[in-house]
Amino acid sequence: MKNIYTFTKMTLAAVVVATISIGSTTAWSAGTHEDGHDAPKIGEPGIADDVTRTIEISLMDNYFEPEEIKVALGETVRFVLTNEGEFVHEFNIGTPPMHAKHQEEMAMMVEHGVLGPDKINRDMMAMDMGDGQMMKHDDPNSKLLEPGETMEIIWTFNKEAALEFACNIPGHYDSGMVGEFEFSTEIEPMS
């Protein structure tokens, strides 16, 4: 079992390095995190008093648990996110095109040393990366977590869209760190 784990860890690290190398030529055109990745088109930050239920999400090294989430239009959900993997991971609510754009920005963060395999240099996130671009990663629809960290997002699903939750760190989305939101007509019971 140890050999399989070591191989998987080494393979994931190789995918990350290869993706960074391929993506580094386009990273400078990526933009900043300050626009919230078109968040108003997919919902809005929620208010704690409006939370209808809490969903716990485990961020593993190549998947989320659960892998699919059912939400209702108008529902406000508290997501409690715990990185149970050995690498830095992200939980980001967006559409597939939003995730594609965000992956370029995350590649820039890796290229500049803001993100390491298992560490986040939060001081560097406030530095100018060139042309006034900052990598604060402070969007209301996204959290970036080191191994062992727990954070939360409160989100109101007031727009129905083809939504995914994903980790956009280079190589992670492509290796399976993506799940789907399914809209239902009923709000699930509080959990």
N, C-alpha and C. Protein backbone atom coordinates (compact mmCIF):
# COMPACT_ATOMS: atom_id res chain seq x y z
N MET A 1 0.82 -1.19 0.00
CA MET A 1 0.00 0.00 0.00
C MET A 1 0.86 1.25 0.00
N LYS A 2 1.97 1.23 0.71
CA LYS A 2 2.85 2.38 0.78
C LYS A 2 3.38 2.73 -0.61
N ASN A 3 3.74 1.75 -1.42
CA ASN A 3 4.26 2.01 -2.76
C ASN A 3 3.21 2.66 -3.65
N ILE A 4 1.96 2.25 -3.54
CA ILE A 4 0.89 2.86 -4.33
C ILE A 4 0.71 4.30 -3.92
N TYR A 5 0.71 4.58 -2.61
CA TYR A 5 0.56 5.94 -2.11
C TYR A 5 1.70 6.82 -2.59
N THR A 6 2.94 6.33 -2.46
CA THR A 6 4.09 7.09 -2.90
C THR A 6 4.01 7.38 -4.39
N PHE A 7 3.62 6.39 -5.18
CA PHE A 7 3.49 6.58 -6.62
C PHE A 7 2.42 7.63 -6.92
N THR A 8 1.28 7.55 -6.23
CA THR A 8 0.20 8.51 -6.45
C THR A 8 0.65 9.91 -6.10
N LYS A 9 1.32 10.06 -4.97
CA LYS A 9 1.81 11.37 -4.54
C LYS A 9 2.83 11.92 -5.55
N MET A 10 3.73 11.06 -6.01
CA MET A 10 4.73 11.50 -6.98
C MET A 10 4.07 11.83 -8.32
N THR A 11 3.07 11.06 -8.72
CA THR A 11 2.37 11.31 -9.98
C THR A 11 1.64 12.64 -9.92
N LEU A 12 0.94 12.91 -8.82
CA LEU A 12 0.22 14.18 -8.68
C LEU A 12 1.20 15.35 -8.70
N ALA A 13 2.33 15.21 -8.02
CA ALA A 13 3.34 16.27 -8.03
C ALA A 13 3.86 16.50 -9.45
N ALA A 14 4.07 15.44 -10.22
CA ALA A 14 4.54 15.57 -11.60
C ALA A 14 3.50 16.28 -12.47
N VAL A 15 2.22 15.98 -12.26
CA VAL A 15 1.15 16.66 -13.01
C VAL A 15 1.15 18.14 -12.70
N VAL A 16 1.32 18.49 -11.42
CA VAL A 16 1.36 19.90 -11.03
C VAL A 16 2.51 20.61 -11.71
N VAL A 17 3.72 20.03 -11.66
CA VAL A 17 4.89 20.65 -12.28
C VAL A 17 4.70 20.79 -13.79
N ALA A 18 4.20 19.75 -14.45
CA ALA A 18 3.98 19.81 -15.89
C ALA A 18 2.96 20.87 -16.26
N THR A 19 1.89 20.96 -15.49
CA THR A 19 0.86 21.95 -15.77
C THR A 19 1.39 23.35 -15.58
N ILE A 20 2.20 23.56 -14.54
CA ILE A 20 2.79 24.88 -14.32
C ILE A 20 3.70 25.24 -15.48
N SER A 21 4.50 24.31 -15.93
CA SER A 21 5.41 24.58 -17.05
C SER A 21 4.64 24.95 -18.31
N ILE A 22 3.58 24.23 -18.59
CA ILE A 22 2.79 24.50 -19.79
C ILE A 22 2.04 25.81 -19.65
N GLY A 23 1.47 26.06 -18.45
CA GLY A 23 0.63 27.24 -18.25
C GLY A 23 1.39 28.52 -17.98
N SER A 24 2.70 28.47 -17.72
CA SER A 24 3.42 29.67 -17.32
C SER A 24 3.48 30.73 -18.40
N THR A 25 3.38 30.36 -19.66
CA THR A 25 3.45 31.36 -20.72
C THR A 25 2.19 32.22 -20.79
N THR A 26 1.07 31.72 -20.27
CA THR A 26 -0.16 32.51 -20.30
C THR A 26 -0.51 33.12 -18.96
N ALA A 27 0.26 32.82 -17.93
CA ALA A 27 -0.11 33.23 -16.59
C ALA A 27 -0.21 34.74 -16.43
N TRP A 28 0.62 35.52 -17.09
CA TRP A 28 0.60 36.95 -16.89
C TRP A 28 -0.66 37.61 -17.43
N SER A 29 -1.41 36.96 -18.29
CA SER A 29 -2.64 37.55 -18.80
C SER A 29 -3.84 37.22 -17.93
N ALA A 30 -3.59 36.64 -16.78
CA ALA A 30 -4.67 36.06 -15.99
C ALA A 30 -5.57 37.07 -15.28
N GLY A 31 -5.08 38.20 -14.82
CA GLY A 31 -5.94 39.11 -14.08
C GLY A 31 -5.79 38.90 -12.59
N THR A 32 -6.71 39.49 -11.82
CA THR A 32 -6.64 39.40 -10.37
C THR A 32 -7.82 38.65 -9.82
N HIS A 33 -7.77 38.43 -8.53
CA HIS A 33 -8.89 37.77 -7.86
C HIS A 33 -9.93 38.78 -7.40
N GLU A 34 -9.69 40.07 -7.59
CA GLU A 34 -10.56 41.09 -7.03
C GLU A 34 -11.95 41.13 -7.66
N ASP A 35 -12.16 40.55 -8.82
CA ASP A 35 -13.47 40.60 -9.47
C ASP A 35 -14.41 39.52 -8.96
N GLY A 36 -13.95 38.64 -8.09
CA GLY A 36 -14.80 37.59 -7.55
C GLY A 36 -15.18 36.56 -8.59
N HIS A 37 -14.45 36.52 -9.70
CA HIS A 37 -14.69 35.53 -10.75
C HIS A 37 -16.15 35.50 -11.18
N ASP A 38 -16.71 36.68 -11.45
CA ASP A 38 -18.09 36.80 -11.91
C ASP A 38 -19.07 36.24 -10.90
N ALA A 39 -18.75 36.33 -9.61
CA ALA A 39 -19.61 35.76 -8.57
C ALA A 39 -21.07 36.20 -8.67
N PRO A 40 -21.38 37.46 -9.01
CA PRO A 40 -22.80 37.83 -9.08
C PRO A 40 -23.61 37.00 -10.08
N LYS A 41 -22.97 36.41 -11.06
CA LYS A 41 -23.67 35.60 -12.04
C LYS A 41 -24.03 34.21 -11.51
N ILE A 42 -23.46 33.84 -10.38
CA ILE A 42 -23.67 32.48 -9.86
C ILE A 42 -24.28 32.46 -8.47
N GLY A 43 -24.62 33.60 -7.92
CA GLY A 43 -25.15 33.69 -6.57
C GLY A 43 -24.49 34.83 -5.85
N GLU A 44 -24.52 34.78 -4.51
CA GLU A 44 -23.92 35.86 -3.73
C GLU A 44 -23.51 35.36 -2.36
N PRO A 45 -22.59 36.10 -1.71
CA PRO A 45 -22.21 35.71 -0.36
C PRO A 45 -23.47 35.71 0.52
N GLY A 46 -23.56 34.69 1.37
CA GLY A 46 -24.72 34.57 2.23
C GLY A 46 -24.51 35.21 3.59
N ILE A 47 -25.59 35.33 4.33
CA ILE A 47 -25.57 35.88 5.68
C ILE A 47 -25.84 34.72 6.64
N ALA A 48 -25.07 34.67 7.71
CA ALA A 48 -25.16 33.55 8.66
C ALA A 48 -26.58 33.33 9.16
N ASP A 49 -27.33 34.38 9.40
CA ASP A 49 -28.71 34.23 9.90
C ASP A 49 -29.63 33.56 8.89
N ASP A 50 -29.25 33.56 7.61
CA ASP A 50 -30.09 32.98 6.55
C ASP A 50 -29.73 31.53 6.22
N VAL A 51 -28.72 30.97 6.88
CA VAL A 51 -28.25 29.61 6.57
C VAL A 51 -29.38 28.61 6.81
N THR A 52 -29.67 27.81 5.79
CA THR A 52 -30.70 26.77 5.90
C THR A 52 -30.10 25.43 6.30
N ARG A 53 -28.80 25.24 6.01
CA ARG A 53 -28.11 24.01 6.42
C ARG A 53 -26.61 24.18 6.27
N THR A 54 -25.89 23.28 6.91
CA THR A 54 -24.43 23.26 6.86
C THR A 54 -24.00 21.97 6.16
N ILE A 55 -23.06 22.10 5.23
CA ILE A 55 -22.52 20.93 4.53
C ILE A 55 -21.02 20.89 4.79
N GLU A 56 -20.56 19.76 5.32
CA GLU A 56 -19.13 19.57 5.55
C GLU A 56 -18.51 18.97 4.31
N ILE A 57 -17.40 19.57 3.86
CA ILE A 57 -16.69 19.13 2.66
C ILE A 57 -15.26 18.76 3.05
N SER A 58 -14.84 17.56 2.67
CA SER A 58 -13.44 17.15 2.85
C SER A 58 -12.71 17.33 1.54
N LEU A 59 -11.59 18.04 1.58
CA LEU A 59 -10.73 18.23 0.42
C LEU A 59 -9.61 17.21 0.53
N MET A 60 -9.63 16.22 -0.34
CA MET A 60 -8.62 15.17 -0.33
C MET A 60 -7.59 15.51 -1.42
N ASP A 61 -6.63 14.64 -1.68
CA ASP A 61 -5.59 14.99 -2.65
C ASP A 61 -5.99 14.81 -4.11
N ASN A 62 -7.13 14.27 -4.41
CA ASN A 62 -7.57 14.27 -5.81
C ASN A 62 -9.09 14.21 -5.95
N TYR A 63 -9.80 14.53 -4.85
CA TYR A 63 -11.26 14.54 -4.93
C TYR A 63 -11.85 15.28 -3.74
N PHE A 64 -13.14 15.57 -3.84
CA PHE A 64 -13.91 16.14 -2.73
C PHE A 64 -14.85 15.07 -2.20
N GLU A 65 -15.17 15.17 -0.93
CA GLU A 65 -16.19 14.30 -0.34
C GLU A 65 -17.18 15.21 0.38
N PRO A 66 -18.40 15.33 -0.07
CA PRO A 66 -19.04 14.59 -1.17
C PRO A 66 -18.61 15.12 -2.53
N GLU A 67 -18.89 14.36 -3.56
CA GLU A 67 -18.51 14.73 -4.92
C GLU A 67 -19.64 15.43 -5.68
N GLU A 68 -20.84 15.45 -5.11
CA GLU A 68 -21.99 16.15 -5.70
C GLU A 68 -22.80 16.75 -4.57
N ILE A 69 -23.34 17.96 -4.80
CA ILE A 69 -24.12 18.64 -3.77
C ILE A 69 -25.43 19.11 -4.39
N LYS A 70 -26.52 18.81 -3.71
CA LYS A 70 -27.84 19.23 -4.15
C LYS A 70 -28.21 20.51 -3.41
N VAL A 71 -28.60 21.55 -4.14
CA VAL A 71 -29.01 22.83 -3.55
C VAL A 71 -30.33 23.26 -4.19
N ALA A 72 -31.03 24.15 -3.51
CA ALA A 72 -32.28 24.70 -4.03
C ALA A 72 -32.09 26.18 -4.35
N LEU A 73 -32.76 26.66 -5.34
CA LEU A 73 -32.73 28.08 -5.69
C LEU A 73 -33.22 28.89 -4.50
N GLY A 74 -32.43 29.85 -4.08
CA GLY A 74 -32.76 30.68 -2.94
C GLY A 74 -32.16 30.19 -1.63
N GLU A 75 -31.59 29.02 -1.62
CA GLU A 75 -31.02 28.44 -0.40
C GLU A 75 -29.69 29.09 -0.04
N THR A 76 -29.47 29.27 1.26
CA THR A 76 -28.19 29.76 1.78
C THR A 76 -27.52 28.62 2.54
N VAL A 77 -26.33 28.25 2.11
CA VAL A 77 -25.62 27.09 2.66
C VAL A 77 -24.30 27.54 3.28
N ARG A 78 -24.02 26.97 4.45
CA ARG A 78 -22.70 27.15 5.07
C ARG A 78 -21.88 25.91 4.70
N PHE A 79 -20.76 26.12 4.00
CA PHE A 79 -19.85 25.03 3.68
C PHE A 79 -18.70 25.08 4.67
N VAL A 80 -18.51 23.99 5.40
CA VAL A 80 -17.37 23.86 6.31
C VAL A 80 -16.36 23.00 5.57
N LEU A 81 -15.23 23.61 5.23
CA LEU A 81 -14.22 23.00 4.37
C LEU A 81 -13.02 22.57 5.19
N THR A 82 -12.61 21.32 5.06
CA THR A 82 -11.42 20.83 5.77
C THR A 82 -10.49 20.17 4.77
N ASN A 83 -9.26 20.67 4.71
CA ASN A 83 -8.25 20.07 3.83
C ASN A 83 -7.64 18.87 4.56
N GLU A 84 -8.05 17.67 4.15
CA GLU A 84 -7.55 16.44 4.74
C GLU A 84 -6.42 15.82 3.92
N GLY A 85 -5.98 16.53 2.88
CA GLY A 85 -4.91 16.03 2.03
C GLY A 85 -3.54 16.49 2.50
N GLU A 86 -2.53 16.16 1.70
CA GLU A 86 -1.16 16.56 2.00
C GLU A 86 -0.71 17.77 1.18
N PHE A 87 -1.60 18.25 0.29
CA PHE A 87 -1.27 19.39 -0.58
C PHE A 87 -2.22 20.55 -0.29
N VAL A 88 -1.82 21.75 -0.72
CA VAL A 88 -2.70 22.91 -0.66
C VAL A 88 -3.86 22.65 -1.62
N HIS A 89 -5.08 22.99 -1.19
CA HIS A 89 -6.26 22.82 -2.04
C HIS A 89 -7.16 24.05 -1.95
N GLU A 90 -8.05 24.13 -2.91
CA GLU A 90 -9.00 25.23 -3.00
C GLU A 90 -10.41 24.66 -3.13
N PHE A 91 -11.38 25.38 -2.58
CA PHE A 91 -12.79 25.12 -2.83
C PHE A 91 -13.31 26.37 -3.47
N ASN A 92 -13.74 26.26 -4.73
CA ASN A 92 -14.17 27.42 -5.51
C ASN A 92 -15.50 27.09 -6.17
N ILE A 93 -16.50 27.95 -5.98
CA ILE A 93 -17.81 27.79 -6.60
C ILE A 93 -17.81 28.59 -7.88
N GLY A 94 -18.08 27.95 -9.03
CA GLY A 94 -18.09 28.67 -10.30
C GLY A 94 -18.60 27.79 -11.44
N THR A 95 -18.63 28.40 -12.61
CA THR A 95 -18.99 27.68 -13.83
C THR A 95 -17.71 27.12 -14.45
N PRO A 96 -17.81 26.15 -15.36
CA PRO A 96 -16.59 25.64 -16.00
C PRO A 96 -15.73 26.74 -16.64
N PRO A 97 -16.29 27.73 -17.36
CA PRO A 97 -15.42 28.80 -17.90
C PRO A 97 -14.75 29.64 -16.81
N MET A 98 -15.46 29.86 -15.70
CA MET A 98 -14.85 30.59 -14.58
C MET A 98 -13.66 29.82 -14.02
N HIS A 99 -13.81 28.50 -13.89
CA HIS A 99 -12.71 27.68 -13.38
C HIS A 99 -11.52 27.70 -14.34
N ALA A 100 -11.78 27.65 -15.65
CA ALA A 100 -10.69 27.68 -16.63
C ALA A 100 -9.88 28.97 -16.50
N LYS A 101 -10.57 30.10 -16.35
CA LYS A 101 -9.89 31.39 -16.19
C LYS A 101 -9.10 31.40 -14.87
N HIS A 102 -9.72 30.88 -13.84
CA HIS A 102 -9.09 30.90 -12.52
C HIS A 102 -7.85 30.00 -12.48
N GLN A 103 -7.84 28.92 -13.24
CA GLN A 103 -6.68 28.04 -13.28
C GLN A 103 -5.44 28.78 -13.77
N GLU A 104 -5.61 29.72 -14.70
CA GLU A 104 -4.48 30.53 -15.18
C GLU A 104 -3.95 31.41 -14.05
N GLU A 105 -4.86 31.97 -13.26
CA GLU A 105 -4.44 32.82 -12.13
C GLU A 105 -3.71 32.00 -11.08
N MET A 106 -4.19 30.80 -10.83
CA MET A 106 -3.54 29.95 -9.84
C MET A 106 -2.14 29.54 -10.32
N ALA A 107 -1.98 29.33 -11.61
CA ALA A 107 -0.66 29.01 -12.16
C ALA A 107 0.31 30.16 -11.90
N MET A 108 -0.19 31.41 -12.01
CA MET A 108 0.65 32.58 -11.71
C MET A 108 1.08 32.56 -10.25
N MET A 109 0.18 32.18 -9.36
CA MET A 109 0.51 32.14 -7.94
C MET A 109 1.60 31.10 -7.67
N VAL A 110 1.53 29.98 -8.34
CA VAL A 110 2.56 28.94 -8.18
C VAL A 110 3.88 29.45 -8.76
N GLU A 111 3.81 30.03 -9.95
CA GLU A 111 5.01 30.53 -10.63
C GLU A 111 5.77 31.54 -9.78
N HIS A 112 5.04 32.36 -9.03
CA HIS A 112 5.67 33.40 -8.21
C HIS A 112 5.97 32.97 -6.78
N GLY A 113 5.74 31.70 -6.47
CA GLY A 113 6.08 31.19 -5.15
C GLY A 113 5.05 31.48 -4.07
N VAL A 114 3.88 31.97 -4.46
CA VAL A 114 2.83 32.22 -3.48
C VAL A 114 2.28 30.89 -2.97
N LEU A 115 2.17 29.92 -3.89
CA LEU A 115 1.67 28.59 -3.53
C LEU A 115 2.77 27.56 -3.72
N GLY A 116 3.01 26.79 -2.69
CA GLY A 116 3.89 25.63 -2.78
C GLY A 116 3.01 24.39 -2.70
N PRO A 117 3.60 23.22 -2.84
CA PRO A 117 2.78 22.01 -2.77
C PRO A 117 1.96 21.90 -1.49
N ASP A 118 2.55 22.30 -0.33
CA ASP A 118 1.84 22.16 0.93
C ASP A 118 1.83 23.43 1.77
N LYS A 119 2.20 24.57 1.19
CA LYS A 119 2.26 25.84 1.93
C LYS A 119 1.70 26.98 1.08
N ILE A 120 1.13 27.96 1.77
CA ILE A 120 0.66 29.19 1.15
C ILE A 120 1.45 30.33 1.77
N ASN A 121 2.10 31.14 0.95
CA ASN A 121 2.81 32.32 1.45
C ASN A 121 1.81 33.48 1.42
N ARG A 122 1.08 33.65 2.50
CA ARG A 122 0.01 34.66 2.55
C ARG A 122 0.56 36.08 2.49
N ASP A 123 1.79 36.29 2.95
CA ASP A 123 2.39 37.63 2.84
C ASP A 123 2.60 38.01 1.37
N MET A 124 3.01 37.03 0.55
CA MET A 124 3.25 37.32 -0.87
C MET A 124 1.94 37.58 -1.63
N MET A 125 0.82 37.13 -1.10
CA MET A 125 -0.45 37.32 -1.80
C MET A 125 -0.79 38.79 -1.98
N ALA A 126 -0.28 39.66 -1.12
CA ALA A 126 -0.55 41.09 -1.19
C ALA A 126 0.45 41.84 -2.06
N MET A 127 1.48 41.15 -2.55
CA MET A 127 2.50 41.82 -3.36
C MET A 127 2.01 42.02 -4.79
N ASP A 128 2.54 43.06 -5.42
CA ASP A 128 2.25 43.33 -6.83
C ASP A 128 2.98 42.30 -7.67
N MET A 129 2.25 41.53 -8.45
CA MET A 129 2.83 40.49 -9.31
C MET A 129 3.21 41.04 -10.68
N GLY A 130 3.02 42.33 -10.88
CA GLY A 130 3.31 42.95 -12.16
C GLY A 130 2.03 43.54 -12.73
N ASP A 131 2.14 44.74 -13.29
CA ASP A 131 0.98 45.44 -13.87
C ASP A 131 -0.14 45.63 -12.85
N GLY A 132 0.20 45.79 -11.58
CA GLY A 132 -0.80 46.03 -10.54
C GLY A 132 -1.63 44.83 -10.16
N GLN A 133 -1.22 43.65 -10.58
CA GLN A 133 -2.00 42.44 -10.29
C GLN A 133 -1.63 41.89 -8.91
N MET A 134 -2.66 41.71 -8.09
CA MET A 134 -2.48 41.16 -6.75
C MET A 134 -3.12 39.77 -6.71
N MET A 135 -2.58 38.90 -5.89
CA MET A 135 -3.12 37.55 -5.77
C MET A 135 -3.64 37.33 -4.35
N LYS A 136 -4.53 38.21 -3.91
CA LYS A 136 -5.05 38.14 -2.55
C LYS A 136 -5.89 36.90 -2.30
N HIS A 137 -6.54 36.40 -3.30
CA HIS A 137 -7.41 35.22 -3.19
C HIS A 137 -8.40 35.41 -2.04
N ASP A 138 -9.15 36.51 -2.12
CA ASP A 138 -10.11 36.82 -1.06
C ASP A 138 -11.54 36.90 -1.59
N ASP A 139 -11.84 36.11 -2.59
CA ASP A 139 -13.18 36.10 -3.16
C ASP A 139 -14.16 35.40 -2.22
N PRO A 140 -15.40 35.85 -2.20
CA PRO A 140 -16.38 35.23 -1.31
C PRO A 140 -16.79 33.82 -1.71
N ASN A 141 -16.54 33.43 -2.97
CA ASN A 141 -16.92 32.10 -3.47
C ASN A 141 -15.75 31.12 -3.48
N SER A 142 -14.66 31.46 -2.77
CA SER A 142 -13.46 30.63 -2.87
C SER A 142 -12.63 30.70 -1.60
N LYS A 143 -12.09 29.54 -1.20
CA LYS A 143 -11.14 29.48 -0.07
C LYS A 143 -9.96 28.62 -0.47
N LEU A 144 -8.79 29.01 -0.01
CA LEU A 144 -7.54 28.32 -0.27
C LEU A 144 -7.02 27.82 1.07
N LEU A 145 -6.78 26.50 1.18
CA LEU A 145 -6.44 25.90 2.46
C LEU A 145 -5.15 25.08 2.40
N GLU A 146 -4.33 25.26 3.43
CA GLU A 146 -3.17 24.39 3.62
C GLU A 146 -3.65 23.08 4.23
N PRO A 147 -2.82 22.03 4.17
CA PRO A 147 -3.18 20.76 4.81
C PRO A 147 -3.56 20.99 6.28
N GLY A 148 -4.68 20.39 6.70
CA GLY A 148 -5.13 20.48 8.08
C GLY A 148 -6.00 21.69 8.40
N GLU A 149 -6.07 22.68 7.50
CA GLU A 149 -6.87 23.87 7.77
C GLU A 149 -8.35 23.62 7.55
N THR A 150 -9.18 24.36 8.30
CA THR A 150 -10.62 24.36 8.14
C THR A 150 -11.07 25.80 7.97
N MET A 151 -11.91 26.05 6.98
CA MET A 151 -12.49 27.37 6.71
C MET A 151 -13.94 27.18 6.31
N GLU A 152 -14.66 28.29 6.15
CA GLU A 152 -16.03 28.16 5.70
C GLU A 152 -16.40 29.24 4.69
N ILE A 153 -17.40 28.89 3.90
CA ILE A 153 -18.02 29.81 2.94
C ILE A 153 -19.51 29.75 3.21
N ILE A 154 -20.15 30.91 3.24
CA ILE A 154 -21.61 30.96 3.29
C ILE A 154 -22.05 31.53 1.95
N TRP A 155 -22.88 30.76 1.23
CA TRP A 155 -23.23 31.12 -0.14
C TRP A 155 -24.74 31.01 -0.35
N THR A 156 -25.32 32.00 -1.01
CA THR A 156 -26.74 31.98 -1.38
C THR A 156 -26.85 31.65 -2.86
N PHE A 157 -27.55 30.59 -3.16
CA PHE A 157 -27.74 30.13 -4.53
C PHE A 157 -29.00 30.77 -5.12
N ASN A 158 -28.87 32.06 -5.50
CA ASN A 158 -30.03 32.78 -6.02
C ASN A 158 -30.07 32.87 -7.54
N LYS A 159 -29.13 32.20 -8.20
CA LYS A 159 -29.11 32.12 -9.66
C LYS A 159 -28.86 30.66 -10.04
N GLU A 160 -29.70 30.12 -10.88
CA GLU A 160 -29.48 28.75 -11.34
C GLU A 160 -28.52 28.79 -12.51
N ALA A 161 -27.46 28.01 -12.41
CA ALA A 161 -26.42 27.97 -13.45
C ALA A 161 -25.77 26.59 -13.41
N ALA A 162 -24.98 26.29 -14.43
CA ALA A 162 -24.21 25.04 -14.47
C ALA A 162 -23.01 25.25 -13.55
N LEU A 163 -23.19 24.95 -12.27
CA LEU A 163 -22.16 25.22 -11.27
C LEU A 163 -21.38 23.98 -10.90
N GLU A 164 -20.10 24.22 -10.64
CA GLU A 164 -19.20 23.21 -10.12
C GLU A 164 -18.53 23.77 -8.89
N PHE A 165 -18.02 22.90 -8.05
CA PHE A 165 -17.06 23.30 -7.02
C PHE A 165 -15.76 22.61 -7.41
N ALA A 166 -14.65 23.34 -7.33
CA ALA A 166 -13.41 22.81 -7.87
C ALA A 166 -12.20 23.34 -7.14
N CYS A 167 -11.10 22.60 -7.28
CA CYS A 167 -9.78 23.06 -6.87
C CYS A 167 -9.06 23.42 -8.16
N ASN A 168 -8.66 24.69 -8.28
CA ASN A 168 -8.06 25.18 -9.51
C ASN A 168 -6.54 25.32 -9.45
N ILE A 169 -5.92 24.72 -8.43
CA ILE A 169 -4.46 24.69 -8.38
C ILE A 169 -4.00 23.84 -9.57
N PRO A 170 -2.93 24.25 -10.25
CA PRO A 170 -2.52 23.52 -11.46
C PRO A 170 -2.47 22.01 -11.28
N GLY A 171 -3.18 21.31 -12.16
CA GLY A 171 -3.22 19.86 -12.18
C GLY A 171 -4.31 19.23 -11.34
N HIS A 172 -4.86 19.95 -10.36
CA HIS A 172 -5.83 19.36 -9.45
C HIS A 172 -7.20 19.15 -10.10
N TYR A 173 -7.69 20.13 -10.82
CA TYR A 173 -8.99 20.01 -11.51
C TYR A 173 -8.94 18.82 -12.48
N ASP A 174 -7.85 18.77 -13.26
CA ASP A 174 -7.70 17.71 -14.27
C ASP A 174 -7.55 16.32 -13.66
N SER A 175 -7.09 16.26 -12.40
CA SER A 175 -6.93 14.95 -11.77
C SER A 175 -8.16 14.53 -10.95
N GLY A 176 -9.24 15.32 -11.03
CA GLY A 176 -10.50 14.90 -10.41
C GLY A 176 -11.03 15.75 -9.29
N MET A 177 -10.39 16.86 -8.97
CA MET A 177 -10.89 17.71 -7.88
C MET A 177 -11.95 18.67 -8.40
N VAL A 178 -13.08 18.10 -8.78
CA VAL A 178 -14.22 18.89 -9.26
C VAL A 178 -15.48 18.11 -8.94
N GLY A 179 -16.51 18.83 -8.54
CA GLY A 179 -17.81 18.23 -8.26
C GLY A 179 -18.90 19.12 -8.80
N GLU A 180 -20.11 18.59 -8.87
CA GLU A 180 -21.22 19.35 -9.45
C GLU A 180 -22.25 19.72 -8.41
N PHE A 181 -22.87 20.89 -8.63
CA PHE A 181 -24.05 21.28 -7.89
C PHE A 181 -25.25 20.87 -8.71
N GLU A 182 -26.21 20.24 -8.05
CA GLU A 182 -27.46 19.88 -8.71
C GLU A 182 -28.56 20.72 -8.05
N PHE A 183 -29.31 21.47 -8.87
CA PHE A 183 -30.40 22.27 -8.33
C PHE A 183 -31.64 21.40 -8.17
N SER A 184 -32.27 21.51 -7.01
CA SER A 184 -33.51 20.78 -6.75
C SER A 184 -34.61 21.79 -6.44
N THR A 185 -35.82 21.31 -6.35
CA THR A 185 -36.94 22.19 -6.06
C THR A 185 -37.17 22.37 -4.56
N GLU A 186 -36.59 21.49 -3.76
CA GLU A 186 -36.77 21.55 -2.31
C GLU A 186 -35.46 21.77 -1.61
N ILE A 187 -35.51 22.55 -0.55
CA ILE A 187 -34.34 22.75 0.30
C ILE A 187 -34.17 21.50 1.18
N GLU A 188 -32.97 20.98 1.21
CA GLU A 188 -32.67 19.80 2.03
C GLU A 188 -32.81 20.16 3.52
N PRO A 189 -33.13 19.20 4.37
CA PRO A 189 -33.23 19.46 5.81
C PRO A 189 -31.89 19.95 6.38
N MET A 190 -31.96 20.75 7.41
CA MET A 190 -30.77 21.28 8.09
C MET A 190 -29.92 20.12 8.59
N SER A 191 -28.59 20.20 8.30
CA SER A 191 -27.68 19.17 8.80
C SER A 191 -26.49 19.78 9.45
